[in-house]
Amino acid sequence: MGMTSSQIIIAILMLGATITLLVTVRKYMAAASERRMVSMLESVGLDPAIASSGDTEAIMKEVRQRCQTCATEDVCERWLVGDKRGDNVFCPNAKVFDALRTTAGAVD
């Protein structure tokens, strides 16, 4: 029992749709992560421009990676809008942000 041409075409279209969906979801998640990271930088008193600074490129690459794989996205979202009180100790980048704040200087 061989596949007909229409079945092959349908299979290829379904595969294409699946790949497109996966790429779209990945881009959405990366954009949401970047938004949270920039908001966190602002919230802790750092200039978000530091994220694209050549001086901190390697550091920010690691920060982005941690942010994209963070298990506390929901806590972060609530903290950023003010629904959660206290420090950002839940953030895997909190220590990095503290170190950047002392070396780069806080935003006035």
PDB file of N, CA and C in Angstrom:
ATOM      1  N   MET A   1       0.835  -1.180   0.000  1.00  0.00           N
ATOM      2  CA  MET A   1       0.000   0.000   0.000  1.00  0.00           C
ATOM      3  C   MET A   1       0.881   1.244   0.000  1.00  0.00           C
ATOM      4  N   GLY A   2       0.966   1.856  -1.101  1.00  0.00           N
ATOM      5  CA  GLY A   2       1.781   3.052  -1.225  1.00  0.00           C
ATOM      6  C   GLY A   2       0.960   4.304  -0.952  1.00  0.00           C
ATOM      7  N   MET A   3       1.680   5.361  -0.665  1.00  0.00           N
ATOM      8  CA  MET A   3       1.022   6.646  -0.430  1.00  0.00           C
ATOM      9  C   MET A   3       0.725   7.304  -1.769  1.00  0.00           C
ATOM     10  N   THR A   4      -0.396   7.943  -1.830  1.00  0.00           N
ATOM     11  CA  THR A   4      -0.744   8.674  -3.044  1.00  0.00           C
ATOM     12  C   THR A   4      -0.073  10.049  -3.013  1.00  0.00           C
ATOM     13  N   SER A   5      -0.059  10.694  -4.141  1.00  0.00           N
ATOM     14  CA  SER A   5       0.549  12.018  -4.244  1.00  0.00           C
ATOM     15  C   SER A   5      -0.122  13.003  -3.290  1.00  0.00           C
ATOM     16  N   SER A   6      -1.433  12.923  -3.178  1.00  0.00           N
ATOM     17  CA  SER A   6      -2.144  13.853  -2.296  1.00  0.00           C
ATOM     18  C   SER A   6      -1.793  13.595  -0.830  1.00  0.00           C
ATOM     19  N   GLN A   7      -1.594  12.356  -0.453  1.00  0.00           N
ATOM     20  CA  GLN A   7      -1.203  12.053   0.917  1.00  0.00           C
ATOM     21  C   GLN A   7       0.202  12.578   1.217  1.00  0.00           C
ATOM     22  N   ILE A   8       1.083  12.471   0.240  1.00  0.00           N
ATOM     23  CA  ILE A   8       2.443  12.985   0.415  1.00  0.00           C
ATOM     24  C   ILE A   8       2.414  14.501   0.548  1.00  0.00           C
ATOM     25  N   ILE A   9       1.633  15.161  -0.290  1.00  0.00           N
ATOM     26  CA  ILE A   9       1.515  16.616  -0.239  1.00  0.00           C
ATOM     27  C   ILE A   9       0.940  17.055   1.109  1.00  0.00           C
ATOM     28  N   ILE A  10      -0.092  16.377   1.565  1.00  0.00           N
ATOM     29  CA  ILE A  10      -0.704  16.699   2.856  1.00  0.00           C
ATOM     30  C   ILE A  10       0.304  16.495   3.987  1.00  0.00           C
ATOM     31  N   ALA A  11       1.071  15.417   3.937  1.00  0.00           N
ATOM     32  CA  ALA A  11       2.073  15.150   4.963  1.00  0.00           C
ATOM     33  C   ALA A  11       3.137  16.251   4.977  1.00  0.00           C
ATOM     34  N   ILE A  12       3.575  16.687   3.805  1.00  0.00           N
ATOM     35  CA  ILE A  12       4.571  17.747   3.713  1.00  0.00           C
ATOM     36  C   ILE A  12       4.002  19.057   4.249  1.00  0.00           C
ATOM     37  N   LEU A  13       2.769  19.371   3.908  1.00  0.00           N
ATOM     38  CA  LEU A  13       2.121  20.587   4.404  1.00  0.00           C
ATOM     39  C   LEU A  13       1.968  20.552   5.925  1.00  0.00           C
ATOM     40  N   MET A  14       1.599  19.408   6.465  1.00  0.00           N
ATOM     41  CA  MET A  14       1.456  19.286   7.915  1.00  0.00           C
ATOM     42  C   MET A  14       2.815  19.448   8.607  1.00  0.00           C
ATOM     43  N   LEU A  15       3.848  18.888   8.023  1.00  0.00           N
ATOM     44  CA  LEU A  15       5.186  19.030   8.579  1.00  0.00           C
ATOM     45  C   LEU A  15       5.610  20.502   8.541  1.00  0.00           C
ATOM     46  N   GLY A  16       5.343  21.167   7.437  1.00  0.00           N
ATOM     47  CA  GLY A  16       5.661  22.587   7.311  1.00  0.00           C
ATOM     48  C   GLY A  16       4.907  23.429   8.327  1.00  0.00           C
ATOM     49  N   ALA A  17       3.622  23.130   8.514  1.00  0.00           N
ATOM     50  CA  ALA A  17       2.815  23.865   9.487  1.00  0.00           C
ATOM     51  C   ALA A  17       3.343  23.642  10.911  1.00  0.00           C
ATOM     52  N   THR A  18       3.747  22.424  11.216  1.00  0.00           N
ATOM     53  CA  THR A  18       4.288  22.115  12.533  1.00  0.00           C
ATOM     54  C   THR A  18       5.593  22.870  12.785  1.00  0.00           C
ATOM     55  N   ILE A  19       6.467  22.870  11.795  1.00  0.00           N
ATOM     56  CA  ILE A  19       7.740  23.582  11.933  1.00  0.00           C
ATOM     57  C   ILE A  19       7.495  25.080  12.093  1.00  0.00           C
ATOM     58  N   THR A  20       6.581  25.629  11.297  1.00  0.00           N
ATOM     59  CA  THR A  20       6.246  27.053  11.401  1.00  0.00           C
ATOM     60  C   THR A  20       5.705  27.384  12.780  1.00  0.00           C
ATOM     61  N   LEU A  21       4.837  26.556  13.300  1.00  0.00           N
ATOM     62  CA  LEU A  21       4.276  26.767  14.627  1.00  0.00           C
ATOM     63  C   LEU A  21       5.365  26.727  15.700  1.00  0.00           C
ATOM     64  N   LEU A  22       6.260  25.758  15.618  1.00  0.00           N
ATOM     65  CA  LEU A  22       7.344  25.657  16.597  1.00  0.00           C
ATOM     66  C   LEU A  22       8.270  26.874  16.550  1.00  0.00           C
ATOM     67  N   VAL A  23       8.589  27.340  15.358  1.00  0.00           N
ATOM     68  CA  VAL A  23       9.447  28.520  15.212  1.00  0.00           C
ATOM     69  C   VAL A  23       8.746  29.756  15.773  1.00  0.00           C
ATOM     70  N   THR A  24       7.460  29.893  15.500  1.00  0.00           N
ATOM     71  CA  THR A  24       6.690  31.035  15.990  1.00  0.00           C
ATOM     72  C   THR A  24       6.629  31.047  17.510  1.00  0.00           C
ATOM     73  N   VAL A  25       6.374  29.905  18.112  1.00  0.00           N
ATOM     74  CA  VAL A  25       6.318  29.809  19.576  1.00  0.00           C
ATOM     75  C   VAL A  25       7.684  30.131  20.174  1.00  0.00           C
ATOM     76  N   ARG A  26       8.733  29.632  19.573  1.00  0.00           N
ATOM     77  CA  ARG A  26      10.096  29.899  20.068  1.00  0.00           C
ATOM     78  C   ARG A  26      10.416  31.397  20.003  1.00  0.00           C
ATOM     79  N   LYS A  27      10.049  32.051  18.903  1.00  0.00           N
ATOM     80  CA  LYS A  27      10.277  33.495  18.772  1.00  0.00           C
ATOM     81  C   LYS A  27       9.472  34.268  19.809  1.00  0.00           C
ATOM     82  N   TYR A  28       8.229  33.855  20.035  1.00  0.00           N
ATOM     83  CA  TYR A  28       7.380  34.510  21.029  1.00  0.00           C
ATOM     84  C   TYR A  28       8.001  34.387  22.423  1.00  0.00           C
ATOM     85  N   MET A  29       8.452  33.190  22.758  1.00  0.00           N
ATOM     86  CA  MET A  29       9.043  32.960  24.074  1.00  0.00           C
ATOM     87  C   MET A  29      10.331  33.760  24.246  1.00  0.00           C
ATOM     88  N   ALA A  30      11.136  33.856  23.191  1.00  0.00           N
ATOM     89  CA  ALA A  30      12.376  34.637  23.260  1.00  0.00           C
ATOM     90  C   ALA A  30      12.061  36.120  23.436  1.00  0.00           C
ATOM     91  N   ALA A  31      11.041  36.610  22.740  1.00  0.00           N
ATOM     92  CA  ALA A  31      10.652  38.019  22.869  1.00  0.00           C
ATOM     93  C   ALA A  31      10.125  38.314  24.271  1.00  0.00           C
ATOM     94  N   ALA A  32       9.332  37.402  24.823  1.00  0.00           N
ATOM     95  CA  ALA A  32       8.808  37.589  26.181  1.00  0.00           C
ATOM     96  C   ALA A  32       9.941  37.566  27.197  1.00  0.00           C
ATOM     97  N   SER A  33      10.902  36.693  26.991  1.00  0.00           N
ATOM     98  CA  SER A  33      12.056  36.615  27.880  1.00  0.00           C
ATOM     99  C   SER A  33      12.879  37.899  27.805  1.00  0.00           C
ATOM    100  N   GLU A  34      13.085  38.399  26.608  1.00  0.00           N
ATOM    101  CA  GLU A  34      13.844  39.647  26.428  1.00  0.00           C
ATOM    102  C   GLU A  34      13.117  40.814  27.106  1.00  0.00           C
ATOM    103  N   ARG A  35      11.795  40.851  26.976  1.00  0.00           N
ATOM    104  CA  ARG A  35      11.008  41.910  27.607  1.00  0.00           C
ATOM    105  C   ARG A  35      11.155  41.852  29.125  1.00  0.00           C
ATOM    106  N   ARG A  36      11.072  40.647  29.688  1.00  0.00           N
ATOM    107  CA  ARG A  36      11.233  40.497  31.139  1.00  0.00           C
ATOM    108  C   ARG A  36      12.634  40.908  31.574  1.00  0.00           C
ATOM    109  N   MET A  37      13.645  40.515  30.796  1.00  0.00           N
ATOM    110  CA  MET A  37      15.017  40.849  31.154  1.00  0.00           C
ATOM    111  C   MET A  37      15.219  42.369  31.160  1.00  0.00           C
ATOM    112  N   VAL A  38      14.733  43.055  30.136  1.00  0.00           N
ATOM    113  CA  VAL A  38      14.867  44.511  30.064  1.00  0.00           C
ATOM    114  C   VAL A  38      14.107  45.172  31.217  1.00  0.00           C
ATOM    115  N   SER A  39      12.916  44.682  31.500  1.00  0.00           N
ATOM    116  CA  SER A  39      12.145  45.223  32.626  1.00  0.00           C
ATOM    117  C   SER A  39      12.861  45.004  33.949  1.00  0.00           C
ATOM    118  N   MET A  40      13.479  43.845  34.103  1.00  0.00           N
ATOM    119  CA  MET A  40      14.217  43.559  35.332  1.00  0.00           C
ATOM    120  C   MET A  40      15.419  44.485  35.447  1.00  0.00           C
ATOM    121  N   LEU A  41      16.126  44.714  34.335  1.00  0.00           N
ATOM    122  CA  LEU A  41      17.256  45.650  34.365  1.00  0.00           C
ATOM    123  C   LEU A  41      16.797  47.014  34.863  1.00  0.00           C
ATOM    124  N   GLU A  42      15.681  47.497  34.312  1.00  0.00           N
ATOM    125  CA  GLU A  42      15.144  48.792  34.731  1.00  0.00           C
ATOM    126  C   GLU A  42      14.728  48.768  36.201  1.00  0.00           C
ATOM    127  N   SER A  43      14.089  47.686  36.611  1.00  0.00           N
ATOM    128  CA  SER A  43      13.587  47.582  37.981  1.00  0.00           C
ATOM    129  C   SER A  43      14.696  47.587  39.026  1.00  0.00           C
ATOM    130  N   VAL A  44      15.843  47.038  38.666  1.00  0.00           N
ATOM    131  CA  VAL A  44      16.949  47.008  39.632  1.00  0.00           C
ATOM    132  C   VAL A  44      17.872  48.214  39.476  1.00  0.00           C
ATOM    133  N   GLY A  45      17.496  49.152  38.595  1.00  0.00           N
ATOM    134  CA  GLY A  45      18.240  50.397  38.478  1.00  0.00           C
ATOM    135  C   GLY A  45      19.349  50.413  37.453  1.00  0.00           C
ATOM    136  N   LEU A  46      19.310  49.486  36.503  1.00  0.00           N
ATOM    137  CA  LEU A  46      20.316  49.469  35.449  1.00  0.00           C
ATOM    138  C   LEU A  46      19.736  50.020  34.150  1.00  0.00           C
ATOM    139  N   ASP A  47      20.576  50.636  33.362  1.00  0.00           N
ATOM    140  CA  ASP A  47      20.174  51.137  32.056  1.00  0.00           C
ATOM    141  C   ASP A  47      20.018  49.941  31.120  1.00  0.00           C
ATOM    142  N   PRO A  48      18.850  49.749  30.501  1.00  0.00           N
ATOM    143  CA  PRO A  48      18.655  48.618  29.595  1.00  0.00           C
ATOM    144  C   PRO A  48      19.631  48.597  28.418  1.00  0.00           C
ATOM    145  N   ALA A  49      20.256  49.733  28.124  1.00  0.00           N
ATOM    146  CA  ALA A  49      21.237  49.780  27.040  1.00  0.00           C
ATOM    147  C   ALA A  49      22.440  48.884  27.337  1.00  0.00           C
ATOM    148  N   ILE A  50      22.613  48.537  28.593  1.00  0.00           N
ATOM    149  CA  ILE A  50      23.717  47.657  28.972  1.00  0.00           C
ATOM    150  C   ILE A  50      23.564  46.289  28.289  1.00  0.00           C
ATOM    151  N   ALA A  51      22.324  45.931  27.953  1.00  0.00           N
ATOM    152  CA  ALA A  51      22.056  44.643  27.310  1.00  0.00           C
ATOM    153  C   ALA A  51      22.681  44.566  25.928  1.00  0.00           C
ATOM    154  N   SER A  52      22.896  45.703  25.287  1.00  0.00           N
ATOM    155  CA  SER A  52      23.484  45.693  23.952  1.00  0.00           C
ATOM    156  C   SER A  52      24.876  46.317  23.935  1.00  0.00           C
ATOM    157  N   SER A  53      25.414  46.572  25.100  1.00  0.00           N
ATOM    158  CA  SER A  53      26.743  47.160  25.210  1.00  0.00           C
ATOM    159  C   SER A  53      27.811  46.123  24.878  1.00  0.00           C
ATOM    160  N   GLY A  54      28.795  46.526  24.110  1.00  0.00           N
ATOM    161  CA  GLY A  54      29.890  45.624  23.768  1.00  0.00           C
ATOM    162  C   GLY A  54      30.713  45.232  24.976  1.00  0.00           C
ATOM    163  N   ASP A  55      30.727  46.106  25.994  1.00  0.00           N
ATOM    164  CA  ASP A  55      31.505  45.834  27.201  1.00  0.00           C
ATOM    165  C   ASP A  55      30.961  44.657  27.999  1.00  0.00           C
ATOM    166  N   THR A  56      29.679  44.417  27.887  1.00  0.00           N
ATOM    167  CA  THR A  56      29.046  43.357  28.685  1.00  0.00           C
ATOM    168  C   THR A  56      28.460  42.246  27.815  1.00  0.00           C
ATOM    169  N   GLU A  57      28.921  42.140  26.586  1.00  0.00           N
ATOM    170  CA  GLU A  57      28.346  41.188  25.635  1.00  0.00           C
ATOM    171  C   GLU A  57      28.338  39.747  26.149  1.00  0.00           C
ATOM    172  N   ALA A  58      29.466  39.268  26.653  1.00  0.00           N
ATOM    173  CA  ALA A  58      29.547  37.886  27.141  1.00  0.00           C
ATOM    174  C   ALA A  58      28.655  37.678  28.357  1.00  0.00           C
ATOM    175  N   ILE A  59      28.649  38.657  29.251  1.00  0.00           N
ATOM    176  CA  ILE A  59      27.820  38.564  30.452  1.00  0.00           C
ATOM    177  C   ILE A  59      26.348  38.527  30.066  1.00  0.00           C
ATOM    178  N   MET A  60      25.943  39.428  29.170  1.00  0.00           N
ATOM    179  CA  MET A  60      24.538  39.500  28.787  1.00  0.00           C
ATOM    180  C   MET A  60      24.093  38.282  27.994  1.00  0.00           C
ATOM    181  N   LYS A  61      25.001  37.642  27.292  1.00  0.00           N
ATOM    182  CA  LYS A  61      24.663  36.395  26.598  1.00  0.00           C
ATOM    183  C   LYS A  61      24.251  35.332  27.614  1.00  0.00           C
ATOM    184  N   GLU A  62      25.011  35.239  28.703  1.00  0.00           N
ATOM    185  CA  GLU A  62      24.678  34.288  29.769  1.00  0.00           C
ATOM    186  C   GLU A  62      23.390  34.684  30.484  1.00  0.00           C
ATOM    187  N   VAL A  63      23.208  35.987  30.703  1.00  0.00           N
ATOM    188  CA  VAL A  63      21.990  36.476  31.352  1.00  0.00           C
ATOM    189  C   VAL A  63      20.774  36.103  30.511  1.00  0.00           C
ATOM    190  N   ARG A  64      20.860  36.340  29.201  1.00  0.00           N
ATOM    191  CA  ARG A  64      19.742  35.995  28.303  1.00  0.00           C
ATOM    192  C   ARG A  64      19.441  34.503  28.346  1.00  0.00           C
ATOM    193  N   GLN A  65      20.494  33.701  28.325  1.00  0.00           N
ATOM    194  CA  GLN A  65      20.300  32.246  28.346  1.00  0.00           C
ATOM    195  C   GLN A  65      19.605  31.810  29.637  1.00  0.00           C
ATOM    196  N   ARG A  66      20.050  32.354  30.776  1.00  0.00           N
ATOM    197  CA  ARG A  66      19.401  32.015  32.046  1.00  0.00           C
ATOM    198  C   ARG A  66      17.945  32.465  32.042  1.00  0.00           C
ATOM    199  N   CYS A  67      17.708  33.645  31.499  1.00  0.00           N
ATOM    200  CA  CYS A  67      16.348  34.185  31.470  1.00  0.00           C
ATOM    201  C   CYS A  67      15.442  33.317  30.583  1.00  0.00           C
ATOM    202  N   GLN A  68      15.969  32.867  29.451  1.00  0.00           N
ATOM    203  CA  GLN A  68      15.167  32.055  28.535  1.00  0.00           C
ATOM    204  C   GLN A  68      14.841  30.676  29.101  1.00  0.00           C
ATOM    205  N   THR A  69      15.655  30.191  30.015  1.00  0.00           N
ATOM    206  CA  THR A  69      15.410  28.873  30.598  1.00  0.00           C
ATOM    207  C   THR A  69      14.919  28.957  32.044  1.00  0.00           C
ATOM    208  N   CYS A  70      14.514  30.148  32.447  1.00  0.00           N
ATOM    209  CA  CYS A  70      14.099  30.384  33.829  1.00  0.00           C
ATOM    210  C   CYS A  70      12.838  29.593  34.188  1.00  0.00           C
ATOM    211  N   ALA A  71      12.847  29.060  35.390  1.00  0.00           N
ATOM    212  CA  ALA A  71      11.696  28.294  35.875  1.00  0.00           C
ATOM    213  C   ALA A  71      10.738  29.167  36.691  1.00  0.00           C
ATOM    214  N   THR A  72      11.067  30.446  36.863  1.00  0.00           N
ATOM    215  CA  THR A  72      10.228  31.312  37.690  1.00  0.00           C
ATOM    216  C   THR A  72       9.639  32.479  36.891  1.00  0.00           C
ATOM    217  N   GLU A  73       9.298  32.225  35.634  1.00  0.00           N
ATOM    218  CA  GLU A  73       8.731  33.273  34.783  1.00  0.00           C
ATOM    219  C   GLU A  73       7.493  33.916  35.399  1.00  0.00           C
ATOM    220  N   ASP A  74       6.619  33.098  35.966  1.00  0.00           N
ATOM    221  CA  ASP A  74       5.384  33.626  36.540  1.00  0.00           C
ATOM    222  C   ASP A  74       5.663  34.531  37.736  1.00  0.00           C
ATOM    223  N   VAL A  75       6.607  34.147  38.579  1.00  0.00           N
ATOM    224  CA  VAL A  75       6.983  34.974  39.726  1.00  0.00           C
ATOM    225  C   VAL A  75       7.597  36.279  39.223  1.00  0.00           C
ATOM    226  N   CYS A  76       8.421  36.187  38.219  1.00  0.00           N
ATOM    227  CA  CYS A  76       9.064  37.357  37.631  1.00  0.00           C
ATOM    228  C   CYS A  76       8.015  38.331  37.090  1.00  0.00           C
ATOM    229  N   GLU A  77       7.068  37.821  36.341  1.00  0.00           N
ATOM    230  CA  GLU A  77       6.007  38.673  35.788  1.00  0.00           C
ATOM    231  C   GLU A  77       5.262  39.405  36.904  1.00  0.00           C
ATOM    232  N   ARG A  78       4.913  38.664  37.970  1.00  0.00           N
ATOM    233  CA  ARG A  78       4.189  39.283  39.081  1.00  0.00           C
ATOM    234  C   ARG A  78       5.057  40.308  39.802  1.00  0.00           C
ATOM    235  N   TRP A  79       6.331  40.007  39.988  1.00  0.00           N
ATOM    236  CA  TRP A  79       7.241  40.923  40.664  1.00  0.00           C
ATOM    237  C   TRP A  79       7.406  42.205  39.851  1.00  0.00           C
ATOM    238  N   LEU A  80       7.532  42.066  38.544  1.00  0.00           N
ATOM    239  CA  LEU A  80       7.742  43.231  37.685  1.00  0.00           C
ATOM    240  C   LEU A  80       6.546  44.181  37.666  1.00  0.00           C
ATOM    241  N   VAL A  81       5.337  43.649  37.835  1.00  0.00           N
ATOM    242  CA  VAL A  81       4.159  44.527  37.860  1.00  0.00           C
ATOM    243  C   VAL A  81       3.800  44.969  39.283  1.00  0.00           C
ATOM    244  N   GLY A  82       4.577  44.525  40.262  1.00  0.00           N
ATOM    245  CA  GLY A  82       4.371  44.974  41.633  1.00  0.00           C
ATOM    246  C   GLY A  82       3.446  44.106  42.463  1.00  0.00           C
ATOM    247  N   ASP A  83       3.019  42.968  41.932  1.00  0.00           N
ATOM    248  CA  ASP A  83       2.142  42.083  42.694  1.00  0.00           C
ATOM    249  C   ASP A  83       2.901  41.259  43.727  1.00  0.00           C
ATOM    250  N   LYS A  84       4.192  41.171  43.585  1.00  0.00           N
ATOM    251  CA  LYS A  84       5.024  40.392  44.503  1.00  0.00           C
ATOM    252  C   LYS A  84       6.016  41.343  45.162  1.00  0.00           C
ATOM    253  N   ARG A  85       6.099  41.276  46.465  1.00  0.00           N
ATOM    254  CA  ARG A  85       6.960  42.177  47.234  1.00  0.00           C
ATOM    255  C   ARG A  85       8.324  41.540  47.498  1.00  0.00           C
ATOM    256  N   GLY A  86       9.235  42.357  47.958  1.00  0.00           N
ATOM    257  CA  GLY A  86      10.560  41.869  48.334  1.00  0.00           C
ATOM    258  C   GLY A  86      11.571  41.999  47.217  1.00  0.00           C
ATOM    259  N   ASP A  87      12.742  41.449  47.474  1.00  0.00           N
ATOM    260  CA  ASP A  87      13.819  41.486  46.495  1.00  0.00           C
ATOM    261  C   ASP A  87      13.579  40.475  45.387  1.00  0.00           C
ATOM    262  N   ASN A  88      14.407  40.551  44.365  1.00  0.00           N
ATOM    263  CA  ASN A  88      14.286  39.628  43.250  1.00  0.00           C
ATOM    264  C   ASN A  88      15.155  38.383  43.439  1.00  0.00           C
ATOM    265  N   VAL A  89      15.176  37.847  44.643  1.00  0.00           N
ATOM    266  CA  VAL A  89      16.006  36.680  44.952  1.00  0.00           C
ATOM    267  C   VAL A  89      15.610  35.445  44.147  1.00  0.00           C
ATOM    268  N   PHE A  90      14.415  35.412  43.623  1.00  0.00           N
ATOM    269  CA  PHE A  90      13.940  34.304  42.790  1.00  0.00           C
ATOM    270  C   PHE A  90      14.639  34.268  41.441  1.00  0.00           C
ATOM    271  N   CYS A  91      15.221  35.402  41.047  1.00  0.00           N
ATOM    272  CA  CYS A  91      15.811  35.566  39.719  1.00  0.00           C
ATOM    273  C   CYS A  91      17.190  34.926  39.648  1.00  0.00           C
ATOM    274  N   PRO A  92      17.422  34.042  38.680  1.00  0.00           N
ATOM    275  CA  PRO A  92      18.743  33.423  38.558  1.00  0.00           C
ATOM    276  C   PRO A  92      19.831  34.427  38.163  1.00  0.00           C
ATOM    277  N   ASN A  93      19.424  35.618  37.731  1.00  0.00           N
ATOM    278  CA  ASN A  93      20.384  36.658  37.349  1.00  0.00           C
ATOM    279  C   ASN A  93      20.543  37.746  38.405  1.00  0.00           C
ATOM    280  N   ALA A  94      19.920  37.609  39.549  1.00  0.00           N
ATOM    281  CA  ALA A  94      19.937  38.664  40.572  1.00  0.00           C
ATOM    282  C   ALA A  94      21.362  39.053  40.969  1.00  0.00           C
ATOM    283  N   LYS A  95      22.226  38.084  41.179  1.00  0.00           N
ATOM    284  CA  LYS A  95      23.602  38.386  41.590  1.00  0.00           C
ATOM    285  C   LYS A  95      24.368  39.089  40.468  1.00  0.00           C
ATOM    286  N   VAL A  96      24.100  38.689  39.242  1.00  0.00           N
ATOM    287  CA  VAL A  96      24.754  39.332  38.095  1.00  0.00           C
ATOM    288  C   VAL A  96      24.302  40.780  37.997  1.00  0.00           C
ATOM    289  N   PHE A  97      23.003  41.011  38.158  1.00  0.00           N
ATOM    290  CA  PHE A  97      22.481  42.372  38.106  1.00  0.00           C
ATOM    291  C   PHE A  97      23.079  43.230  39.219  1.00  0.00           C
ATOM    292  N   ASP A  98      23.234  42.658  40.405  1.00  0.00           N
ATOM    293  CA  ASP A  98      23.855  43.391  41.515  1.00  0.00           C
ATOM    294  C   ASP A  98      25.297  43.771  41.170  1.00  0.00           C
ATOM    295  N   ALA A  99      26.022  42.817  40.600  1.00  0.00           N
ATOM    296  CA  ALA A  99      27.410  43.082  40.234  1.00  0.00           C
ATOM    297  C   ALA A  99      27.488  44.146  39.126  1.00  0.00           C
ATOM    298  N   LEU A 100      26.602  44.060  38.154  1.00  0.00           N
ATOM    299  CA  LEU A 100      26.573  45.070  37.087  1.00  0.00           C
ATOM    300  C   LEU A 100      26.243  46.449  37.655  1.00  0.00           C
ATOM    301  N   ARG A 101      25.338  46.474  38.607  1.00  0.00           N
ATOM    302  CA  ARG A 101      24.946  47.760  39.202  1.00  0.00           C
ATOM    303  C   ARG A 101      26.150  48.409  39.904  1.00  0.00           C
ATOM    304  N   THR A 102      26.964  47.608  40.575  1.00  0.00           N
ATOM    305  CA  THR A 102      28.112  48.182  41.264  1.00  0.00           C
ATOM    306  C   THR A 102      29.221  48.590  40.291  1.00  0.00           C
ATOM    307  N   THR A 103      29.381  47.859  39.189  1.00  0.00           N
ATOM    308  CA  THR A 103      30.436  48.212  38.242  1.00  0.00           C
ATOM    309  C   THR A 103      29.988  49.229  37.199  1.00  0.00           C
ATOM    310  N   ALA A 104      28.738  49.111  36.739  1.00  0.00           N
ATOM    311  CA  ALA A 104      28.269  50.000  35.661  1.00  0.00           C
ATOM    312  C   ALA A 104      27.616  51.259  36.198  1.00  0.00           C
ATOM    313  N   GLY A 105      27.123  51.205  37.405  1.00  0.00           N
ATOM    314  CA  GLY A 105      26.443  52.365  37.976  1.00  0.00           C
ATOM    315  C   GLY A 105      24.958  52.307  37.685  1.00  0.00           C
ATOM    316  N   ALA A 106      24.180  52.748  38.619  1.00  0.00           N
ATOM    317  CA  ALA A 106      22.727  52.724  38.505  1.00  0.00           C
ATOM    318  C   ALA A 106      22.236  53.915  37.708  1.00  0.00           C
ATOM    319  N   VAL A 107      21.038  53.767  37.131  1.00  0.00           N
ATOM    320  CA  VAL A 107      20.382  54.839  36.399  1.00  0.00           C
ATOM    321  C   VAL A 107      19.814  55.824  37.412  1.00  0.00           C
ATOM    322  N   ASP A 108      19.970  57.112  37.150  1.00  0.00           N
ATOM    323  CA  ASP A 108      19.405  58.128  38.061  1.00  0.00           C
ATOM    324  C   ASP A 108      17.960  58.393  37.771  1.00  0.00           C
TER     325      ASP A 108
END
